[in-house]
Structures are given as C-alpha cells and as structure tokens.
Amino acid sequence: MLNSSDRYGWLAKTFHWLTALAIVGMFPFAWWMTELKLGPQMLEMYGLHKSVGILVLTVTALRLGWRFVNPKPRFLGGPVWQRWASDIVHFGLYVCLIAIPLIGLLHSNAANFPVSVFGIVTMPQLIAPDRALVEPLQEAHEIAGIVLLVLLGLHVAGALKHHLFDKDATLRRMLPFAAASSSAAPERHDAE
C-alpha cells in the first residue's frame, strides 16, 4: 500500500489511474454533451459530467493528502531541468484537477443550477446566482481544460521518454499491475 523509494504503492497507483480514466473520459464526453439540444438528455448528461467532476475533485484531495503523508519515490535521474519540469507539470496537473471542478461548481451556482452528485448529495451553493458571472466562469472552465490537456500531453510524453529512451522504471513503477524492479537504472546526478 505504501510507496517505497523505488516504486509507488497500490493506493497511489489507484488514485493515479482513477484520475487518468476520468480525465480521458471527460474530454470527449464534454465535447459531445455541449452539442446536445436543450432537453432532458442534455440536463442528464450535464448532471453526469458534474458528478464525475466532483469525484475527480474528491480523488485529487485524497491523492494530495496521501502524497503529503506518503512521499513519492525518488526521481530516477536525468538533468536537473527534467526534475524541475516534472515538478512543474505535476504541480500544474494538481492545480487543474482542483480548479476545473471548482470553477464548474461556481459556474453552476452562478447559473442557479444545483449540483447533485449522482443523485446522492447536493453540493453547497458557494456563490449566489449571478448571470454576469456565468460566461466568464464557463470560459475559465474551458481554458483550464485546455491547460489540463497540454499538461497531460507533457506528462505522457515525459513518461514515454523515460520508458523508451532512458529505459528506466519511471513508467513501469506507476503501471497498475507492474512492480518496478529496485535494480532500475541508477539515479544520475547531472547538474545541467
């Protein structure tokens, strides 16, 4: 369950892959649902989108809490700029995973639409309805989504670079059913 210096534990992997599945599913779903005509199906699909968004926010909060008490494995090497790039991309991903659902919730509040999570619980109204905020919040939600896509692309590219070119265990140690070998490529201490 716990991370070690060489690999991620099953809980960190579960948080990672639940988030990845939600994001990969949400983007095409969001583009599709915006093309629907106003009616019961559209409202139902928007409700599902909001529910999954709140689930992503919840998993992200749990993931950050877990990361705080259970530090990630060591960086497997490369120039210092790669570690910085990795840290910046991960930070940006976390910011987006928190900001996008929160902006979506605020957008719904401003538009005076309650957010019910899978019909189980209704989220609190964080702001009063305000038509003047609806469009700016919608634009912010969309822009943050584009930023998330760019960061996700960088994240995947970095993992593939480590796997295909560096041939280290960076990707393998996060795969759901793979255990990274502790004899992975040694950590390099380049100061570039």
C-alpha atoms as a PDB file:
ATOM      1  CA  MET A   1       0.000   0.000   0.000  1.00  0.00           C
ATOM      2  CA  LEU A   2       2.823   2.433   0.870  1.00  0.00           C
ATOM      3  CA  ASN A   3       5.242   3.971  -1.600  1.00  0.00           C
ATOM      4  CA  SER A   4       8.880   2.972  -1.306  1.00  0.00           C
ATOM      5  CA  SER A   5      11.930   4.849  -2.549  1.00  0.00           C
ATOM      6  CA  ASP A   6      11.745   2.757  -5.766  1.00  0.00           C
ATOM      7  CA  ARG A   7       8.042   2.306  -6.514  1.00  0.00           C
ATOM      8  CA  TYR A   8       4.517   3.544  -5.932  1.00  0.00           C
ATOM      9  CA  GLY A   9       2.199   1.603  -3.656  1.00  0.00           C
ATOM     10  CA  TRP A  10      -1.154   0.314  -4.841  1.00  0.00           C
ATOM     11  CA  LEU A  11      -3.119   3.201  -3.294  1.00  0.00           C
ATOM     12  CA  ALA A  12      -1.104   5.876  -5.140  1.00  0.00           C
ATOM     13  CA  LYS A  13      -1.481   3.853  -8.355  1.00  0.00           C
ATOM     14  CA  THR A  14      -5.236   3.549  -7.812  1.00  0.00           C
ATOM     15  CA  PHE A  15      -5.598   7.321  -7.302  1.00  0.00           C
ATOM     16  CA  HIS A  16      -3.461   7.974 -10.402  1.00  0.00           C
ATOM     17  CA  TRP A  17      -5.357   5.632 -12.730  1.00  0.00           C
ATOM     18  CA  LEU A  18      -8.828   6.606 -11.467  1.00  0.00           C
ATOM     19  CA  THR A  19      -7.932  10.208 -12.228  1.00  0.00           C
ATOM     20  CA  ALA A  20      -6.495   9.282 -15.634  1.00  0.00           C
ATOM     21  CA  LEU A  21      -9.617   7.317 -16.611  1.00  0.00           C
ATOM     22  CA  ALA A  22     -11.893  10.146 -15.515  1.00  0.00           C
ATOM     23  CA  ILE A  23      -9.925  12.754 -17.464  1.00  0.00           C
ATOM     24  CA  VAL A  24      -9.652  10.640 -20.604  1.00  0.00           C
ATOM     25  CA  GLY A  25     -13.392  10.028 -20.481  1.00  0.00           C
ATOM     26  CA  MET A  26     -14.428  13.560 -19.555  1.00  0.00           C
ATOM     27  CA  PHE A  27     -12.964  15.414 -22.525  1.00  0.00           C
ATOM     28  CA  PRO A  28     -14.760  13.620 -25.361  1.00  0.00           C
ATOM     29  CA  PHE A  29     -17.888  13.419 -23.205  1.00  0.00           C
ATOM     30  CA  ALA A  30     -17.792  17.186 -22.548  1.00  0.00           C
ATOM     31  CA  TRP A  31     -17.368  17.993 -26.246  1.00  0.00           C
ATOM     32  CA  TRP A  32     -20.235  15.649 -27.133  1.00  0.00           C
ATOM     33  CA  MET A  33     -22.641  16.926 -24.481  1.00  0.00           C
ATOM     34  CA  THR A  34     -22.192  20.566 -25.494  1.00  0.00           C
ATOM     35  CA  GLU A  35     -23.656  19.652 -28.894  1.00  0.00           C
ATOM     36  CA  LEU A  36     -26.884  18.277 -27.386  1.00  0.00           C
ATOM     37  CA  LYS A  37     -30.126  20.195 -27.742  1.00  0.00           C
ATOM     38  CA  LEU A  38     -31.718  21.586 -24.611  1.00  0.00           C
ATOM     39  CA  GLY A  39     -33.868  18.878 -23.096  1.00  0.00           C
ATOM     40  CA  PRO A  40     -33.921  16.042 -20.565  1.00  0.00           C
ATOM     41  CA  GLN A  41     -30.980  14.156 -22.134  1.00  0.00           C
ATOM     42  CA  MET A  42     -28.788  17.262 -22.101  1.00  0.00           C
ATOM     43  CA  LEU A  43     -29.623  18.009 -18.449  1.00  0.00           C
ATOM     44  CA  GLU A  44     -28.940  14.380 -17.508  1.00  0.00           C
ATOM     45  CA  MET A  45     -25.562  14.394 -19.291  1.00  0.00           C
ATOM     46  CA  TYR A  46     -24.557  17.694 -17.681  1.00  0.00           C
ATOM     47  CA  GLY A  47     -25.514  16.203 -14.317  1.00  0.00           C
ATOM     48  CA  LEU A  48     -23.286  13.193 -15.001  1.00  0.00           C
ATOM     49  CA  HIS A  49     -20.437  15.485 -16.076  1.00  0.00           C
ATOM     50  CA  LYS A  50     -20.749  17.476 -12.852  1.00  0.00           C
ATOM     51  CA  SER A  51     -20.877  14.315 -10.736  1.00  0.00           C
ATOM     52  CA  VAL A  52     -17.691  12.959 -12.295  1.00  0.00           C
ATOM     53  CA  GLY A  53     -16.069  16.382 -11.856  1.00  0.00           C
ATOM     54  CA  ILE A  54     -16.812  16.343  -8.125  1.00  0.00           C
ATOM     55  CA  LEU A  55     -15.495  12.769  -7.977  1.00  0.00           C
ATOM     56  CA  VAL A  56     -12.249  13.951  -9.630  1.00  0.00           C
ATOM     57  CA  LEU A  57     -12.008  16.776  -7.090  1.00  0.00           C
ATOM     58  CA  THR A  58     -12.533  14.311  -4.223  1.00  0.00           C
ATOM     59  CA  VAL A  59      -9.975  11.814  -5.542  1.00  0.00           C
ATOM     60  CA  THR A  60      -7.490  14.647  -6.090  1.00  0.00           C
ATOM     61  CA  ALA A  61      -7.928  15.850  -2.496  1.00  0.00           C
ATOM     62  CA  LEU A  62      -7.421  12.293  -1.201  1.00  0.00           C
ATOM     63  CA  ARG A  63      -4.445  11.859  -3.511  1.00  0.00           C
ATOM     64  CA  LEU A  64      -2.796  15.058  -2.279  1.00  0.00           C
ATOM     65  CA  GLY A  65      -3.410  14.038   1.324  1.00  0.00           C
ATOM     66  CA  TRP A  66      -1.878  10.640   0.655  1.00  0.00           C
ATOM     67  CA  ARG A  67       1.092  12.223  -1.115  1.00  0.00           C
ATOM     68  CA  PHE A  68       1.640  14.533   1.866  1.00  0.00           C
ATOM     69  CA  VAL A  69       1.867  11.639   4.355  1.00  0.00           C
ATOM     70  CA  ASN A  70       3.443   9.141   1.941  1.00  0.00           C
ATOM     71  CA  PRO A  71       6.139  10.809  -0.199  1.00  0.00           C
ATOM     72  CA  LYS A  72       6.643   9.787  -3.812  1.00  0.00           C
ATOM     73  CA  PRO A  73       9.551   7.559  -4.904  1.00  0.00           C
ATOM     74  CA  ARG A  74      12.877   9.127  -5.789  1.00  0.00           C
ATOM     75  CA  PHE A  75      13.459  10.761  -9.161  1.00  0.00           C
ATOM     76  CA  LEU A  76      15.283   8.267 -11.355  1.00  0.00           C
ATOM     77  CA  GLY A  77      17.758  10.672 -12.838  1.00  0.00           C
ATOM     78  CA  GLY A  78      18.491  13.000 -15.659  1.00  0.00           C
ATOM     79  CA  PRO A  79      19.455  16.635 -15.789  1.00  0.00           C
ATOM     80  CA  VAL A  80      18.174  18.926 -13.027  1.00  0.00           C
ATOM     81  CA  TRP A  81      15.903  20.726 -15.508  1.00  0.00           C
ATOM     82  CA  GLN A  82      13.998  17.458 -16.042  1.00  0.00           C
ATOM     83  CA  ARG A  83      13.225  17.190 -12.339  1.00  0.00           C
ATOM     84  CA  TRP A  84      12.078  20.811 -12.337  1.00  0.00           C
ATOM     85  CA  ALA A  85       9.970  20.224 -15.458  1.00  0.00           C
ATOM     86  CA  SER A  86       8.425  17.149 -13.849  1.00  0.00           C
ATOM     87  CA  ASP A  87       7.639  19.050 -10.652  1.00  0.00           C
ATOM     88  CA  ILE A  88       6.121  21.979 -12.589  1.00  0.00           C
ATOM     89  CA  VAL A  89       3.946  19.694 -14.740  1.00  0.00           C
ATOM     90  CA  HIS A  90       2.756  17.713 -11.705  1.00  0.00           C
ATOM     91  CA  PHE A  91       2.002  20.929  -9.811  1.00  0.00           C
ATOM     92  CA  GLY A  92       0.056  22.257 -12.814  1.00  0.00           C
ATOM     93  CA  LEU A  93      -1.888  18.992 -13.111  1.00  0.00           C
ATOM     94  CA  TYR A  94      -2.918  19.182  -9.459  1.00  0.00           C
ATOM     95  CA  VAL A  95      -3.921  22.845  -9.799  1.00  0.00           C
ATOM     96  CA  CYS A  96      -6.091  21.996 -12.824  1.00  0.00           C
ATOM     97  CA  LEU A  97      -7.624  18.943 -11.143  1.00  0.00           C
ATOM     98  CA  ILE A  98      -8.751  21.190  -8.299  1.00  0.00           C
ATOM     99  CA  ALA A  99      -9.567  24.345 -10.255  1.00  0.00           C
ATOM    100  CA  ILE A 100     -11.615  22.823 -13.072  1.00  0.00           C
ATOM    101  CA  PRO A 101     -14.253  21.144 -10.872  1.00  0.00           C
ATOM    102  CA  LEU A 102     -14.382  24.164  -8.543  1.00  0.00           C
ATOM    103  CA  ILE A 103     -14.862  26.549 -11.472  1.00  0.00           C
ATOM    104  CA  GLY A 104     -17.531  24.204 -12.838  1.00  0.00           C
ATOM    105  CA  LEU A 105     -19.289  24.219  -9.465  1.00  0.00           C
ATOM    106  CA  LEU A 106     -19.126  28.026  -9.303  1.00  0.00           C
ATOM    107  CA  HIS A 107     -20.451  28.201 -12.880  1.00  0.00           C
ATOM    108  CA  SER A 108     -23.428  26.047 -11.920  1.00  0.00           C
ATOM    109  CA  ASN A 109     -24.008  28.184  -8.823  1.00  0.00           C
ATOM    110  CA  ALA A 110     -23.888  31.383 -10.869  1.00  0.00           C
ATOM    111  CA  ALA A 111     -26.340  29.889 -13.388  1.00  0.00           C
ATOM    112  CA  ASN A 112     -28.597  28.818 -10.488  1.00  0.00           C
ATOM    113  CA  PHE A 113     -28.310  25.094 -11.273  1.00  0.00           C
ATOM    114  CA  PRO A 114     -27.797  22.846  -8.223  1.00  0.00           C
ATOM    115  CA  VAL A 115     -25.019  20.275  -8.461  1.00  0.00           C
ATOM    116  CA  SER A 116     -26.201  16.851  -7.374  1.00  0.00           C
ATOM    117  CA  VAL A 117     -23.505  14.189  -7.158  1.00  0.00           C
ATOM    118  CA  PHE A 118     -25.004  11.041  -8.696  1.00  0.00           C
ATOM    119  CA  GLY A 119     -28.319  11.955  -7.066  1.00  0.00           C
ATOM    120  CA  ILE A 120     -26.861  11.180  -3.627  1.00  0.00           C
ATOM    121  CA  VAL A 121     -25.752  14.537  -2.264  1.00  0.00           C
ATOM    122  CA  THR A 122     -26.285  18.119  -3.403  1.00  0.00           C
ATOM    123  CA  MET A 123     -23.219  20.319  -3.257  1.00  0.00           C
ATOM    124  CA  PRO A 124     -23.493  23.540  -1.248  1.00  0.00           C
ATOM    125  CA  GLN A 125     -24.107  26.808  -3.055  1.00  0.00           C
ATOM    126  CA  LEU A 126     -20.726  28.588  -2.861  1.00  0.00           C
ATOM    127  CA  ILE A 127     -21.902  31.794  -4.537  1.00  0.00           C
ATOM    128  CA  ALA A 128     -25.272  33.398  -5.147  1.00  0.00           C
ATOM    129  CA  PRO A 129     -26.774  33.149  -8.633  1.00  0.00           C
ATOM    130  CA  ASP A 130     -25.261  35.862 -10.838  1.00  0.00           C
ATOM    131  CA  ARG A 131     -25.854  35.931 -14.604  1.00  0.00           C
ATOM    132  CA  ALA A 132     -22.864  38.262 -15.077  1.00  0.00           C
ATOM    133  CA  LEU A 133     -20.514  35.508 -13.850  1.00  0.00           C
ATOM    134  CA  VAL A 134     -21.896  32.667 -15.982  1.00  0.00           C
ATOM    135  CA  GLU A 135     -19.961  33.389 -19.178  1.00  0.00           C
ATOM    136  CA  PRO A 136     -16.595  34.275 -17.558  1.00  0.00           C
ATOM    137  CA  LEU A 137     -16.757  31.120 -15.406  1.00  0.00           C
ATOM    138  CA  GLN A 138     -17.635  28.995 -18.440  1.00  0.00           C
ATOM    139  CA  GLU A 139     -14.659  30.445 -20.331  1.00  0.00           C
ATOM    140  CA  ALA A 140     -12.365  29.868 -17.338  1.00  0.00           C
ATOM    141  CA  HIS A 141     -13.587  26.247 -17.134  1.00  0.00           C
ATOM    142  CA  GLU A 142     -12.821  25.715 -20.830  1.00  0.00           C
ATOM    143  CA  ILE A 143      -9.400  27.423 -20.698  1.00  0.00           C
ATOM    144  CA  ALA A 144      -8.392  25.408 -17.635  1.00  0.00           C
ATOM    145  CA  GLY A 145      -9.480  22.271 -19.504  1.00  0.00           C
ATOM    146  CA  ILE A 146      -7.184  23.161 -22.417  1.00  0.00           C
ATOM    147  CA  VAL A 147      -4.315  23.799 -19.994  1.00  0.00           C
ATOM    148  CA  LEU A 148      -5.007  20.388 -18.423  1.00  0.00           C
ATOM    149  CA  LEU A 149      -4.847  18.726 -21.856  1.00  0.00           C
ATOM    150  CA  VAL A 150      -1.483  20.370 -22.601  1.00  0.00           C
ATOM    151  CA  LEU A 151      -0.082  19.344 -19.212  1.00  0.00           C
ATOM    152  CA  LEU A 152      -1.431  15.832 -19.653  1.00  0.00           C
ATOM    153  CA  GLY A 153       0.323  15.631 -23.032  1.00  0.00           C
ATOM    154  CA  LEU A 154       3.596  16.738 -21.424  1.00  0.00           C
ATOM    155  CA  HIS A 155       3.104  14.219 -18.604  1.00  0.00           C
ATOM    156  CA  VAL A 156       2.548  11.332 -21.024  1.00  0.00           C
ATOM    157  CA  ALA A 157       5.443  12.462 -23.246  1.00  0.00           C
ATOM    158  CA  GLY A 158       7.753  12.555 -20.224  1.00  0.00           C
ATOM    159  CA  ALA A 159       6.711   9.075 -19.097  1.00  0.00           C
ATOM    160  CA  LEU A 160       7.237   7.685 -22.609  1.00  0.00           C
ATOM    161  CA  LYS A 161      10.622   9.425 -22.888  1.00  0.00           C
ATOM    162  CA  HIS A 162      11.739   7.759 -19.674  1.00  0.00           C
ATOM    163  CA  HIS A 163      10.444   4.385 -20.843  1.00  0.00           C
ATOM    164  CA  LEU A 164      11.544   4.380 -24.487  1.00  0.00           C
ATOM    165  CA  PHE A 165      14.738   6.437 -24.445  1.00  0.00           C
ATOM    166  CA  ASP A 166      16.085   6.455 -20.893  1.00  0.00           C
ATOM    167  CA  LYS A 167      14.891   2.880 -20.338  1.00  0.00           C
ATOM    168  CA  ASP A 168      14.336   3.494 -16.644  1.00  0.00           C
ATOM    169  CA  ALA A 169      11.464   2.388 -14.396  1.00  0.00           C
ATOM    170  CA  THR A 170       9.639   5.752 -14.223  1.00  0.00           C
ATOM    171  CA  LEU A 171       6.641   4.479 -16.205  1.00  0.00           C
ATOM    172  CA  ARG A 172       6.739   0.854 -15.034  1.00  0.00           C
ATOM    173  CA  ARG A 173       6.579   1.782 -11.370  1.00  0.00           C
ATOM    174  CA  MET A 174       3.209   3.524 -11.929  1.00  0.00           C
ATOM    175  CA  LEU A 175       1.617   0.813 -14.092  1.00  0.00           C
ATOM    176  CA  PRO A 176      -1.319  -0.801 -12.252  1.00  0.00           C
ATOM    177  CA  PHE A 177      -0.135  -4.403 -12.258  1.00  0.00           C
ATOM    178  CA  ALA A 178       3.613  -3.988 -12.629  1.00  0.00           C
ATOM    179  CA  ALA A 179       6.172  -3.933  -9.893  1.00  0.00           C
ATOM    180  CA  ALA A 180       9.216  -1.856 -10.722  1.00  0.00           C
ATOM    181  CA  SER A 181      12.467  -3.554 -10.021  1.00  0.00           C
ATOM    182  CA  SER A 182      14.633  -1.941  -7.399  1.00  0.00           C
ATOM    183  CA  SER A 183      17.528  -2.597  -9.767  1.00  0.00           C
ATOM    184  CA  ALA A 184      16.194   0.039 -12.155  1.00  0.00           C
ATOM    185  CA  ALA A 185      18.575   2.395 -13.877  1.00  0.00           C
ATOM    186  CA  PRO A 186      20.667   4.151 -11.250  1.00  0.00           C
ATOM    187  CA  GLU A 187      19.915   7.723 -10.347  1.00  0.00           C
ATOM    188  CA  ARG A 188      22.128  10.172 -12.221  1.00  0.00           C
ATOM    189  CA  HIS A 189      23.229  13.437 -10.688  1.00  0.00           C
ATOM    190  CA  ASP A 190      23.807  15.585 -13.757  1.00  0.00           C
ATOM    191  CA  ALA A 191      23.847  19.271 -12.928  1.00  0.00           C
ATOM    192  CA  GLU A 192      22.748  20.548 -16.325  1.00  0.00           C
END
